[in-house]
Amino acid sequence: MSLAYSALVIVAAYLLGSLSFAVIVSRVMGLSDPRSYGSKNPGATNVLRSGSRVAAVVTLLLDAAKGWLPVFLVRVFGARHGLGEGTVALVALAAFAGHLWPVFFGFKGGKGVATALGVLLGISGWLALATLATWLIIVAFFRWVSLASLVAAAFAPFFYVLTAGVVWEMHPGIALAITVMAGLLAWRHAANIKRLLQGKEPKLGARMKA
């Protein structure tokens, strides 16, 4: 029975992750499709380029929530159904994968920064806080959201592993899931990395040419 429950929650996490809130929020608020301007990435940073800070904030919160909710629910209620930390790790990856490859939007999704943060929050509030603090520090100094996302993602697995036994009990599956998410996030930022190296990456608040 636990195997059936595990498969069910993993699929549910992927479907929830597949809700591209950048597109949904933009449609509801009468804004242009974020896939049609700027970086063409359906994420909060690109929605901000539409000029609507409200839409960007709502997108950010909802994208984070869809990563947090399934992980949180499995951590809180999973044990009674035989779901352990291994399922938590798979649910985390499923929600993140849903954002990257959303079944409802032609498998063309965003880069996963907000969703990854939501996943980390579901795993541990302290882990999410440390990762978010890293992101904020880099943004404050350099104003490159992409650079901040890359650095924060790179540090997240180290935060989890290095504080194991002090803040939480480490589970290899969760450590691997966080590492895989960091790798996928870096891969989805390949174009940003190229622009950073060329000095062409737009800074926070700047409008990006199509």
N, C-alpha and C. Protein backbone atom coordinates (compact mmCIF):
# COMPACT_ATOMS: atom_id res chain seq x y z
N MET A 1 0.82 -1.21 0.00
CA MET A 1 0.00 0.00 0.00
C MET A 1 0.86 1.26 0.00
N SER A 2 1.97 1.23 0.74
CA SER A 2 2.83 2.41 0.79
C SER A 2 3.40 2.74 -0.58
N LEU A 3 3.65 1.69 -1.41
CA LEU A 3 4.17 1.93 -2.75
C LEU A 3 3.13 2.67 -3.60
N ALA A 4 1.86 2.27 -3.45
CA ALA A 4 0.78 2.92 -4.19
C ALA A 4 0.64 4.38 -3.74
N TYR A 5 0.68 4.60 -2.44
CA TYR A 5 0.60 5.97 -1.91
C TYR A 5 1.77 6.80 -2.41
N SER A 6 2.95 6.19 -2.40
CA SER A 6 4.15 6.91 -2.83
C SER A 6 4.02 7.34 -4.29
N ALA A 7 3.57 6.41 -5.15
CA ALA A 7 3.39 6.74 -6.57
C ALA A 7 2.35 7.83 -6.74
N LEU A 8 1.29 7.75 -5.95
CA LEU A 8 0.21 8.73 -6.05
C LEU A 8 0.68 10.14 -5.68
N VAL A 9 1.41 10.25 -4.57
CA VAL A 9 1.84 11.59 -4.14
C VAL A 9 2.93 12.14 -5.05
N ILE A 10 3.75 11.27 -5.63
CA ILE A 10 4.78 11.73 -6.56
C ILE A 10 4.14 12.32 -7.82
N VAL A 11 3.13 11.61 -8.36
CA VAL A 11 2.41 12.10 -9.54
C VAL A 11 1.68 13.40 -9.21
N ALA A 12 1.05 13.44 -8.03
CA ALA A 12 0.33 14.65 -7.62
C ALA A 12 1.29 15.83 -7.49
N ALA A 13 2.48 15.59 -6.95
CA ALA A 13 3.48 16.65 -6.82
C ALA A 13 3.91 17.17 -8.18
N TYR A 14 4.09 16.25 -9.13
CA TYR A 14 4.47 16.67 -10.49
C TYR A 14 3.38 17.51 -11.13
N LEU A 15 2.12 17.09 -10.97
CA LEU A 15 1.00 17.83 -11.56
C LEU A 15 0.87 19.21 -10.94
N LEU A 16 1.05 19.29 -9.63
CA LEU A 16 1.01 20.60 -8.97
C LEU A 16 2.16 21.47 -9.46
N GLY A 17 3.33 20.89 -9.59
CA GLY A 17 4.49 21.63 -10.10
C GLY A 17 4.29 22.11 -11.53
N SER A 18 3.43 21.40 -12.27
CA SER A 18 3.19 21.73 -13.68
C SER A 18 2.31 22.97 -13.87
N LEU A 19 1.77 23.50 -12.78
CA LEU A 19 0.98 24.72 -12.89
C LEU A 19 1.93 25.91 -13.05
N SER A 20 2.00 26.44 -14.26
CA SER A 20 2.91 27.56 -14.54
C SER A 20 2.22 28.86 -14.12
N PHE A 21 2.48 29.28 -12.90
CA PHE A 21 1.77 30.44 -12.36
C PHE A 21 2.17 31.75 -13.03
N ALA A 22 3.34 31.81 -13.64
CA ALA A 22 3.71 33.01 -14.38
C ALA A 22 2.72 33.25 -15.51
N VAL A 23 2.36 32.19 -16.20
CA VAL A 23 1.40 32.28 -17.30
C VAL A 23 0.00 32.49 -16.76
N ILE A 24 -0.37 31.72 -15.74
CA ILE A 24 -1.73 31.80 -15.18
C ILE A 24 -2.00 33.19 -14.59
N VAL A 25 -1.08 33.68 -13.77
CA VAL A 25 -1.26 34.99 -13.14
C VAL A 25 -1.31 36.09 -14.19
N SER A 26 -0.45 35.99 -15.19
CA SER A 26 -0.44 37.01 -16.26
C SER A 26 -1.77 37.03 -17.00
N ARG A 27 -2.32 35.86 -17.26
CA ARG A 27 -3.61 35.80 -17.95
C ARG A 27 -4.71 36.41 -17.10
N VAL A 28 -4.74 36.04 -15.84
CA VAL A 28 -5.78 36.54 -14.93
C VAL A 28 -5.71 38.06 -14.78
N MET A 29 -4.48 38.61 -14.79
CA MET A 29 -4.29 40.05 -14.59
C MET A 29 -4.26 40.81 -15.91
N GLY A 30 -4.51 40.12 -17.02
CA GLY A 30 -4.58 40.79 -18.31
C GLY A 30 -3.24 41.25 -18.85
N LEU A 31 -2.17 40.58 -18.45
CA LEU A 31 -0.83 40.94 -18.92
C LEU A 31 -0.40 40.05 -20.09
N SER A 32 0.65 40.45 -20.76
CA SER A 32 1.18 39.66 -21.86
C SER A 32 1.74 38.35 -21.34
N ASP A 33 1.69 37.34 -22.18
CA ASP A 33 2.25 36.03 -21.84
C ASP A 33 3.75 36.20 -21.61
N PRO A 34 4.28 35.82 -20.44
CA PRO A 34 5.71 36.00 -20.16
C PRO A 34 6.62 35.21 -21.09
N ARG A 35 6.04 34.27 -21.82
CA ARG A 35 6.82 33.50 -22.79
C ARG A 35 7.01 34.25 -24.10
N SER A 36 6.46 35.48 -24.17
CA SER A 36 6.51 36.24 -25.41
C SER A 36 7.41 37.47 -25.35
N TYR A 37 8.05 37.72 -24.20
CA TYR A 37 8.90 38.90 -24.08
C TYR A 37 10.07 38.61 -23.14
N GLY A 38 11.01 39.57 -23.12
CA GLY A 38 12.17 39.42 -22.23
C GLY A 38 12.94 38.15 -22.49
N SER A 39 13.19 37.39 -21.41
CA SER A 39 13.91 36.13 -21.54
C SER A 39 13.01 35.01 -22.03
N LYS A 40 11.68 35.30 -22.10
CA LYS A 40 10.67 34.32 -22.50
C LYS A 40 10.56 33.18 -21.49
N ASN A 41 11.09 33.42 -20.30
CA ASN A 41 11.02 32.42 -19.24
C ASN A 41 9.78 32.65 -18.39
N PRO A 42 8.94 31.63 -18.21
CA PRO A 42 7.74 31.79 -17.38
C PRO A 42 8.08 31.74 -15.90
N GLY A 43 8.63 32.83 -15.41
CA GLY A 43 9.02 32.91 -14.01
C GLY A 43 8.79 34.31 -13.48
N ALA A 44 8.93 34.48 -12.17
CA ALA A 44 8.63 35.77 -11.54
C ALA A 44 9.53 36.89 -12.03
N THR A 45 10.81 36.60 -12.26
CA THR A 45 11.74 37.65 -12.70
C THR A 45 11.33 38.22 -14.05
N ASN A 46 10.90 37.34 -14.96
CA ASN A 46 10.49 37.83 -16.27
C ASN A 46 9.14 38.53 -16.19
N VAL A 47 8.25 38.06 -15.33
CA VAL A 47 6.96 38.74 -15.14
C VAL A 47 7.20 40.16 -14.64
N LEU A 48 8.23 40.35 -13.82
CA LEU A 48 8.57 41.68 -13.33
C LEU A 48 8.88 42.63 -14.48
N ARG A 49 9.40 42.10 -15.56
CA ARG A 49 9.73 42.93 -16.73
C ARG A 49 8.48 43.45 -17.42
N SER A 50 7.32 42.90 -17.07
CA SER A 50 6.06 43.39 -17.65
C SER A 50 5.70 44.74 -17.04
N GLY A 51 6.34 45.07 -15.91
CA GLY A 51 6.05 46.32 -15.22
C GLY A 51 5.12 46.14 -14.04
N SER A 52 4.60 44.95 -13.83
CA SER A 52 3.68 44.70 -12.73
C SER A 52 4.41 43.98 -11.60
N ARG A 53 4.72 44.71 -10.54
CA ARG A 53 5.38 44.11 -9.39
C ARG A 53 4.43 43.17 -8.64
N VAL A 54 3.16 43.51 -8.64
CA VAL A 54 2.17 42.67 -7.96
C VAL A 54 2.12 41.29 -8.63
N ALA A 55 2.07 41.28 -9.94
CA ALA A 55 2.02 40.01 -10.67
C ALA A 55 3.28 39.19 -10.40
N ALA A 56 4.42 39.87 -10.35
CA ALA A 56 5.68 39.18 -10.10
C ALA A 56 5.71 38.57 -8.70
N VAL A 57 5.24 39.32 -7.72
CA VAL A 57 5.24 38.82 -6.34
C VAL A 57 4.27 37.64 -6.19
N VAL A 58 3.09 37.76 -6.78
CA VAL A 58 2.10 36.68 -6.71
C VAL A 58 2.65 35.43 -7.38
N THR A 59 3.29 35.60 -8.52
CA THR A 59 3.90 34.48 -9.22
C THR A 59 4.97 33.82 -8.37
N LEU A 60 5.81 34.65 -7.76
CA LEU A 60 6.88 34.13 -6.90
C LEU A 60 6.32 33.29 -5.75
N LEU A 61 5.31 33.83 -5.08
CA LEU A 61 4.73 33.14 -3.93
C LEU A 61 4.05 31.83 -4.33
N LEU A 62 3.31 31.85 -5.43
CA LEU A 62 2.61 30.65 -5.86
C LEU A 62 3.59 29.58 -6.37
N ASP A 63 4.63 30.01 -7.08
CA ASP A 63 5.64 29.05 -7.55
C ASP A 63 6.37 28.41 -6.37
N ALA A 64 6.62 29.21 -5.33
CA ALA A 64 7.26 28.66 -4.14
C ALA A 64 6.30 27.72 -3.40
N ALA A 65 5.03 28.11 -3.33
CA ALA A 65 4.04 27.32 -2.61
C ALA A 65 3.86 25.93 -3.22
N LYS A 66 3.92 25.85 -4.55
CA LYS A 66 3.71 24.55 -5.18
C LYS A 66 4.89 23.62 -4.96
N GLY A 67 6.04 24.17 -4.60
CA GLY A 67 7.17 23.33 -4.22
C GLY A 67 7.11 22.94 -2.76
N TRP A 68 6.63 23.88 -1.93
CA TRP A 68 6.55 23.64 -0.50
C TRP A 68 5.44 22.66 -0.10
N LEU A 69 4.25 22.84 -0.66
CA LEU A 69 3.08 22.10 -0.20
C LEU A 69 3.22 20.58 -0.25
N PRO A 70 3.57 19.99 -1.39
CA PRO A 70 3.65 18.52 -1.41
C PRO A 70 4.72 17.96 -0.48
N VAL A 71 5.85 18.65 -0.39
CA VAL A 71 6.93 18.18 0.50
C VAL A 71 6.47 18.28 1.95
N PHE A 72 5.85 19.39 2.30
CA PHE A 72 5.36 19.59 3.67
C PHE A 72 4.33 18.53 4.05
N LEU A 73 3.39 18.27 3.15
CA LEU A 73 2.33 17.31 3.45
C LEU A 73 2.88 15.91 3.66
N VAL A 74 3.84 15.52 2.84
CA VAL A 74 4.42 14.17 3.00
C VAL A 74 5.21 14.08 4.29
N ARG A 75 5.93 15.15 4.63
CA ARG A 75 6.71 15.14 5.87
C ARG A 75 5.79 15.06 7.10
N VAL A 76 4.65 15.72 7.03
CA VAL A 76 3.75 15.77 8.19
C VAL A 76 2.84 14.53 8.27
N PHE A 77 2.29 14.12 7.12
CA PHE A 77 1.29 13.06 7.13
C PHE A 77 1.77 11.75 6.49
N GLY A 78 2.96 11.76 5.91
CA GLY A 78 3.42 10.58 5.18
C GLY A 78 3.68 9.35 6.04
N ALA A 79 4.18 9.54 7.24
CA ALA A 79 4.58 8.41 8.09
C ALA A 79 3.42 7.45 8.34
N ARG A 80 2.23 7.99 8.52
CA ARG A 80 1.08 7.13 8.81
C ARG A 80 0.69 6.26 7.62
N HIS A 81 1.19 6.60 6.45
CA HIS A 81 0.93 5.82 5.25
C HIS A 81 2.19 5.08 4.78
N GLY A 82 3.19 5.04 5.64
CA GLY A 82 4.41 4.32 5.31
C GLY A 82 5.34 5.07 4.38
N LEU A 83 5.19 6.38 4.29
CA LEU A 83 6.03 7.17 3.40
C LEU A 83 7.16 7.80 4.20
N GLY A 84 8.39 7.49 3.82
CA GLY A 84 9.54 7.98 4.55
C GLY A 84 10.26 9.11 3.83
N GLU A 85 11.50 9.34 4.24
CA GLU A 85 12.28 10.43 3.67
C GLU A 85 12.62 10.20 2.20
N GLY A 86 12.67 8.94 1.79
CA GLY A 86 12.91 8.65 0.38
C GLY A 86 11.79 9.20 -0.49
N THR A 87 10.56 9.06 -0.02
CA THR A 87 9.42 9.60 -0.75
C THR A 87 9.45 11.12 -0.74
N VAL A 88 9.86 11.70 0.38
CA VAL A 88 10.00 13.16 0.46
C VAL A 88 10.95 13.64 -0.64
N ALA A 89 12.07 12.94 -0.81
CA ALA A 89 13.05 13.31 -1.82
C ALA A 89 12.46 13.22 -3.23
N LEU A 90 11.71 12.15 -3.50
CA LEU A 90 11.11 11.96 -4.83
C LEU A 90 10.00 12.97 -5.09
N VAL A 91 9.23 13.30 -4.06
CA VAL A 91 8.19 14.31 -4.20
C VAL A 91 8.81 15.67 -4.48
N ALA A 92 9.90 15.97 -3.79
CA ALA A 92 10.61 17.24 -4.01
C ALA A 92 11.06 17.35 -5.47
N LEU A 93 11.66 16.28 -5.98
CA LEU A 93 12.11 16.28 -7.37
C LEU A 93 10.95 16.36 -8.35
N ALA A 94 9.85 15.69 -8.02
CA ALA A 94 8.69 15.69 -8.91
C ALA A 94 8.09 17.08 -9.03
N ALA A 95 7.94 17.77 -7.91
CA ALA A 95 7.39 19.13 -7.94
C ALA A 95 8.31 20.06 -8.74
N PHE A 96 9.60 19.92 -8.54
CA PHE A 96 10.58 20.74 -9.25
C PHE A 96 10.57 20.42 -10.74
N ALA A 97 10.52 19.13 -11.07
CA ALA A 97 10.48 18.71 -12.47
C ALA A 97 9.21 19.21 -13.15
N GLY A 98 8.10 19.24 -12.40
CA GLY A 98 6.86 19.75 -12.97
C GLY A 98 6.98 21.20 -13.41
N HIS A 99 7.71 21.98 -12.63
CA HIS A 99 7.91 23.39 -13.02
C HIS A 99 8.79 23.49 -14.26
N LEU A 100 9.82 22.67 -14.33
CA LEU A 100 10.72 22.71 -15.48
C LEU A 100 10.08 22.17 -16.75
N TRP A 101 9.30 21.09 -16.59
CA TRP A 101 8.65 20.44 -17.74
C TRP A 101 7.17 20.25 -17.45
N PRO A 102 6.39 21.32 -17.47
CA PRO A 102 4.96 21.25 -17.10
C PRO A 102 4.11 20.56 -18.17
N VAL A 103 3.40 19.53 -17.75
CA VAL A 103 2.58 18.78 -18.69
C VAL A 103 1.45 19.63 -19.25
N PHE A 104 1.00 20.63 -18.50
CA PHE A 104 -0.12 21.47 -18.94
C PHE A 104 0.31 22.58 -19.90
N PHE A 105 1.60 22.79 -20.05
CA PHE A 105 2.10 23.89 -20.87
C PHE A 105 3.16 23.42 -21.86
N GLY A 106 2.90 22.28 -22.48
CA GLY A 106 3.79 21.77 -23.52
C GLY A 106 5.18 21.41 -23.06
N PHE A 107 5.32 21.11 -21.78
CA PHE A 107 6.61 20.71 -21.19
C PHE A 107 7.68 21.80 -21.32
N LYS A 108 7.22 23.06 -21.44
CA LYS A 108 8.14 24.18 -21.53
C LYS A 108 7.93 25.09 -20.32
N GLY A 109 8.76 24.91 -19.31
CA GLY A 109 8.58 25.64 -18.06
C GLY A 109 9.67 26.61 -17.74
N GLY A 110 9.70 27.03 -16.48
CA GLY A 110 10.67 28.01 -16.04
C GLY A 110 11.97 27.39 -15.55
N LYS A 111 12.72 28.19 -14.82
CA LYS A 111 14.04 27.75 -14.37
C LYS A 111 14.02 27.15 -12.97
N GLY A 112 12.94 27.36 -12.24
CA GLY A 112 12.74 26.62 -11.00
C GLY A 112 13.27 27.22 -9.72
N VAL A 113 13.68 28.48 -9.74
CA VAL A 113 14.29 29.07 -8.54
C VAL A 113 13.29 29.14 -7.38
N ALA A 114 12.13 29.74 -7.63
CA ALA A 114 11.13 29.89 -6.56
C ALA A 114 10.61 28.53 -6.10
N THR A 115 10.39 27.63 -7.05
CA THR A 115 9.90 26.30 -6.69
C THR A 115 10.93 25.54 -5.87
N ALA A 116 12.19 25.68 -6.23
CA ALA A 116 13.26 25.03 -5.47
C ALA A 116 13.31 25.57 -4.05
N LEU A 117 13.13 26.88 -3.90
CA LEU A 117 13.12 27.47 -2.56
C LEU A 117 11.94 26.93 -1.74
N GLY A 118 10.80 26.77 -2.41
CA GLY A 118 9.64 26.21 -1.73
C GLY A 118 9.90 24.79 -1.28
N VAL A 119 10.55 24.02 -2.12
CA VAL A 119 10.92 22.64 -1.76
C VAL A 119 11.83 22.64 -0.53
N LEU A 120 12.83 23.50 -0.53
CA LEU A 120 13.74 23.59 0.61
C LEU A 120 13.01 23.98 1.88
N LEU A 121 12.02 24.86 1.75
CA LEU A 121 11.22 25.26 2.90
C LEU A 121 10.44 24.08 3.45
N GLY A 122 9.94 23.23 2.54
CA GLY A 122 9.23 22.04 2.96
C GLY A 122 10.14 21.06 3.70
N ILE A 123 11.39 21.02 3.29
CA ILE A 123 12.37 20.13 3.93
C ILE A 123 12.78 20.68 5.29
N SER A 124 13.11 21.97 5.31
CA SER A 124 13.52 22.62 6.56
C SER A 124 13.47 24.13 6.41
N GLY A 125 12.84 24.77 7.36
CA GLY A 125 12.79 26.23 7.35
C GLY A 125 14.17 26.85 7.44
N TRP A 126 15.04 26.24 8.23
CA TRP A 126 16.41 26.76 8.38
C TRP A 126 17.19 26.64 7.08
N LEU A 127 16.99 25.53 6.37
CA LEU A 127 17.68 25.34 5.09
C LEU A 127 17.22 26.38 4.09
N ALA A 128 15.92 26.61 4.03
CA ALA A 128 15.39 27.62 3.12
C ALA A 128 15.90 29.01 3.49
N LEU A 129 15.94 29.29 4.79
CA LEU A 129 16.39 30.61 5.25
C LEU A 129 17.85 30.85 4.89
N ALA A 130 18.70 29.85 5.09
CA ALA A 130 20.12 29.99 4.76
C ALA A 130 20.31 30.20 3.26
N THR A 131 19.55 29.46 2.47
CA THR A 131 19.66 29.58 1.01
C THR A 131 19.13 30.93 0.54
N LEU A 132 18.01 31.36 1.11
CA LEU A 132 17.44 32.66 0.74
C LEU A 132 18.38 33.79 1.14
N ALA A 133 19.02 33.67 2.31
CA ALA A 133 19.96 34.70 2.76
C ALA A 133 21.12 34.81 1.78
N THR A 134 21.60 33.67 1.30
CA THR A 134 22.68 33.67 0.30
C THR A 134 22.23 34.40 -0.96
N TRP A 135 21.01 34.10 -1.41
CA TRP A 135 20.46 34.73 -2.61
C TRP A 135 20.36 36.25 -2.42
N LEU A 136 19.85 36.67 -1.29
CA LEU A 136 19.68 38.10 -1.02
C LEU A 136 21.01 38.84 -0.96
N ILE A 137 22.02 38.20 -0.37
CA ILE A 137 23.34 38.84 -0.27
C ILE A 137 23.94 39.08 -1.66
N ILE A 138 23.83 38.07 -2.51
CA ILE A 138 24.39 38.20 -3.86
C ILE A 138 23.63 39.25 -4.66
N VAL A 139 22.30 39.25 -4.55
CA VAL A 139 21.49 40.25 -5.25
C VAL A 139 21.82 41.66 -4.76
N ALA A 140 21.97 41.81 -3.45
CA ALA A 140 22.26 43.12 -2.88
C ALA A 140 23.59 43.68 -3.39
N PHE A 141 24.57 42.81 -3.55
CA PHE A 141 25.89 43.27 -3.97
C PHE A 141 26.02 43.42 -5.48
N PHE A 142 25.40 42.52 -6.24
CA PHE A 142 25.63 42.49 -7.68
C PHE A 142 24.41 42.79 -8.54
N ARG A 143 23.18 42.64 -7.95
CA ARG A 143 21.92 42.92 -8.65
C ARG A 143 21.70 42.02 -9.86
N TRP A 144 22.35 40.88 -9.89
CA TRP A 144 22.08 39.87 -10.92
C TRP A 144 21.29 38.74 -10.27
N VAL A 145 20.03 38.62 -10.64
CA VAL A 145 19.18 37.57 -10.08
C VAL A 145 19.70 36.19 -10.47
N SER A 146 20.14 36.06 -11.69
CA SER A 146 20.64 34.77 -12.16
C SER A 146 21.88 34.32 -11.38
N LEU A 147 22.79 35.24 -11.15
CA LEU A 147 24.00 34.91 -10.39
C LEU A 147 23.63 34.52 -8.96
N ALA A 148 22.71 35.26 -8.37
CA ALA A 148 22.27 34.95 -7.01
C ALA A 148 21.64 33.56 -6.95
N SER A 149 20.85 33.24 -7.97
CA SER A 149 20.19 31.93 -8.01
C SER A 149 21.20 30.81 -8.15
N LEU A 150 22.20 31.01 -8.98
CA LEU A 150 23.23 30.00 -9.19
C LEU A 150 24.06 29.77 -7.93
N VAL A 151 24.44 30.85 -7.28
CA VAL A 151 25.24 30.74 -6.05
C VAL A 151 24.44 30.08 -4.94
N ALA A 152 23.19 30.52 -4.76
CA ALA A 152 22.34 29.96 -3.71
C ALA A 152 22.10 28.47 -3.95
N ALA A 153 21.86 28.10 -5.22
CA ALA A 153 21.63 26.70 -5.55
C ALA A 153 22.87 25.86 -5.26
N ALA A 154 24.03 26.41 -5.56
CA ALA A 154 25.29 25.69 -5.32
C ALA A 154 25.53 25.48 -3.83
N PHE A 155 25.12 26.44 -3.03
CA PHE A 155 25.36 26.35 -1.58
C PHE A 155 24.34 25.46 -0.87
N ALA A 156 23.14 25.33 -1.42
CA ALA A 156 22.06 24.59 -0.74
C ALA A 156 22.47 23.17 -0.33
N PRO A 157 23.06 22.36 -1.22
CA PRO A 157 23.45 21.01 -0.79
C PRO A 157 24.49 21.04 0.33
N PHE A 158 25.40 22.01 0.28
CA PHE A 158 26.42 22.11 1.33
C PHE A 158 25.80 22.52 2.66
N PHE A 159 24.82 23.43 2.63
CA PHE A 159 24.13 23.80 3.86
C PHE A 159 23.48 22.58 4.50
N TYR A 160 22.87 21.75 3.65
CA TYR A 160 22.18 20.56 4.16
C TYR A 160 23.15 19.55 4.75
N VAL A 161 24.22 19.28 4.03
CA VAL A 161 25.17 18.26 4.47
C VAL A 161 26.01 18.73 5.64
N LEU A 162 26.51 19.96 5.58
CA LEU A 162 27.43 20.45 6.61
C LEU A 162 26.77 20.63 7.97
N THR A 163 25.47 20.88 7.97
CA THR A 163 24.78 21.06 9.26
C THR A 163 24.05 19.80 9.71
N ALA A 164 24.22 18.71 8.97
CA ALA A 164 23.59 17.45 9.36
C ALA A 164 24.14 17.00 10.71
N GLY A 165 23.25 16.53 11.54
CA GLY A 165 23.64 16.09 12.87
C GLY A 165 23.61 17.20 13.90
N VAL A 166 23.52 18.45 13.42
CA VAL A 166 23.45 19.60 14.32
C VAL A 166 22.05 20.22 14.27
N VAL A 167 21.61 20.51 13.05
CA VAL A 167 20.29 21.11 12.87
C VAL A 167 19.24 20.06 12.53
N TRP A 168 19.62 19.05 11.75
CA TRP A 168 18.70 17.99 11.34
C TRP A 168 19.48 16.70 11.10
N GLU A 169 18.74 15.62 10.99
CA GLU A 169 19.35 14.33 10.66
C GLU A 169 19.38 14.19 9.15
N MET A 170 20.55 13.98 8.61
CA MET A 170 20.68 13.93 7.16
C MET A 170 20.14 12.63 6.59
N HIS A 171 19.45 12.75 5.46
CA HIS A 171 18.99 11.59 4.71
C HIS A 171 19.66 11.64 3.34
N PRO A 172 20.37 10.58 2.93
CA PRO A 172 21.09 10.60 1.65
C PRO A 172 20.19 10.92 0.46
N GLY A 173 18.95 10.41 0.49
CA GLY A 173 18.04 10.67 -0.63
C GLY A 173 17.71 12.14 -0.77
N ILE A 174 17.49 12.81 0.35
CA ILE A 174 17.17 14.24 0.30
C ILE A 174 18.40 15.04 -0.12
N ALA A 175 19.58 14.64 0.38
CA ALA A 175 20.82 15.31 -0.03
C ALA A 175 21.01 15.19 -1.54
N LEU A 176 20.72 14.00 -2.07
CA LEU A 176 20.85 13.78 -3.51
C LEU A 176 19.82 14.61 -4.28
N ALA A 177 18.59 14.67 -3.76
CA ALA A 177 17.54 15.45 -4.43
C ALA A 177 17.92 16.92 -4.52
N ILE A 178 18.44 17.46 -3.43
CA ILE A 178 18.84 18.87 -3.42
C ILE A 178 19.99 19.11 -4.41
N THR A 179 20.91 18.16 -4.47
CA THR A 179 22.04 18.27 -5.39
C THR A 179 21.57 18.21 -6.84
N VAL A 180 20.63 17.30 -7.13
CA VAL A 180 20.10 17.19 -8.50
C VAL A 180 19.36 18.46 -8.88
N MET A 181 18.57 19.01 -7.97
CA MET A 181 17.87 20.26 -8.25
C MET A 181 18.85 21.39 -8.54
N ALA A 182 19.93 21.44 -7.77
CA ALA A 182 20.95 22.48 -7.99
C ALA A 182 21.57 22.33 -9.38
N GLY A 183 21.84 21.08 -9.77
CA GLY A 183 22.42 20.83 -11.09
C GLY A 183 21.46 21.21 -12.21
N LEU A 184 20.19 20.84 -12.07
CA LEU A 184 19.20 21.18 -13.09
C LEU A 184 18.99 22.69 -13.18
N LEU A 185 19.00 23.34 -12.03
CA LEU A 185 18.83 24.78 -12.02
C LEU A 185 19.98 25.47 -12.75
N ALA A 186 21.20 24.98 -12.52
CA ALA A 186 22.36 25.54 -13.21
C ALA A 186 22.25 25.30 -14.72
N TRP A 187 21.80 24.11 -15.08
CA TRP A 187 21.63 23.78 -16.50
C TRP A 187 20.60 24.69 -17.16
N ARG A 188 19.50 24.98 -16.46
CA ARG A 188 18.49 25.85 -17.03
C ARG A 188 18.95 27.30 -17.11
N HIS A 189 20.02 27.61 -16.42
CA HIS A 189 20.58 28.97 -16.47
C HIS A 189 21.78 29.07 -17.42
N ALA A 190 21.91 28.12 -18.32
CA ALA A 190 23.07 28.11 -19.23
C ALA A 190 23.18 29.41 -20.03
N ALA A 191 22.05 29.90 -20.53
CA ALA A 191 22.07 31.16 -21.30
C ALA A 191 22.47 32.33 -20.42
N ASN A 192 21.99 32.31 -19.17
CA ASN A 192 22.35 33.38 -18.23
C ASN A 192 23.84 33.36 -17.93
N ILE A 193 24.38 32.16 -17.76
CA ILE A 193 25.81 32.02 -17.48
C ILE A 193 26.62 32.60 -18.63
N LYS A 194 26.18 32.32 -19.86
CA LYS A 194 26.88 32.84 -21.04
C LYS A 194 26.84 34.36 -21.06
N ARG A 195 25.66 34.93 -20.76
CA ARG A 195 25.53 36.40 -20.75
C ARG A 195 26.34 37.02 -19.62
N LEU A 196 26.39 36.33 -18.47
CA LEU A 196 27.19 36.84 -17.35
C LEU A 196 28.66 36.91 -17.74
N LEU A 197 29.14 35.89 -18.40
CA LEU A 197 30.54 35.85 -18.83
C LEU A 197 30.83 36.92 -19.89
N GLN A 198 29.80 37.26 -20.68
CA GLN A 198 29.96 38.27 -21.73
C GLN A 198 29.67 39.68 -21.21
N GLY A 199 29.19 39.78 -19.96
CA GLY A 199 28.84 41.08 -19.40
C GLY A 199 27.55 41.64 -19.97
N LYS A 200 26.68 40.77 -20.47
CA LYS A 200 25.44 41.22 -21.10
C LYS A 200 24.18 40.87 -20.29
N GLU A 201 24.36 40.27 -19.14
CA GLU A 201 23.21 39.87 -18.35
C GLU A 201 22.55 41.09 -17.72
N PRO A 202 21.22 41.28 -17.93
CA PRO A 202 20.54 42.45 -17.34
C PRO A 202 20.44 42.32 -15.83
N LYS A 203 20.51 43.44 -15.17
CA LYS A 203 20.42 43.44 -13.71
C LYS A 203 18.97 43.58 -13.26
N LEU A 204 18.76 43.40 -11.99
CA LEU A 204 17.41 43.42 -11.42
C LEU A 204 16.70 44.72 -11.75
N GLY A 205 15.48 44.58 -12.29
CA GLY A 205 14.67 45.75 -12.63
C GLY A 205 14.85 46.23 -14.04
N ALA A 206 15.88 45.73 -14.74
CA ALA A 206 16.13 46.17 -16.11
C ALA A 206 15.24 45.41 -17.07
N ARG A 207 14.82 46.08 -18.13
CA ARG A 207 14.04 45.42 -19.17
C ARG A 207 14.99 44.72 -20.13
N MET A 208 14.66 43.47 -20.41
CA MET A 208 15.54 42.69 -21.29
C MET A 208 15.01 42.75 -22.72
N LYS A 209 15.90 42.97 -23.65
CA LYS A 209 15.49 43.01 -25.06
C LYS A 209 15.08 41.63 -25.52
N ALA A 210 14.02 41.59 -26.33
CA ALA A 210 13.53 40.31 -26.84
C ALA A 210 14.52 39.71 -27.82
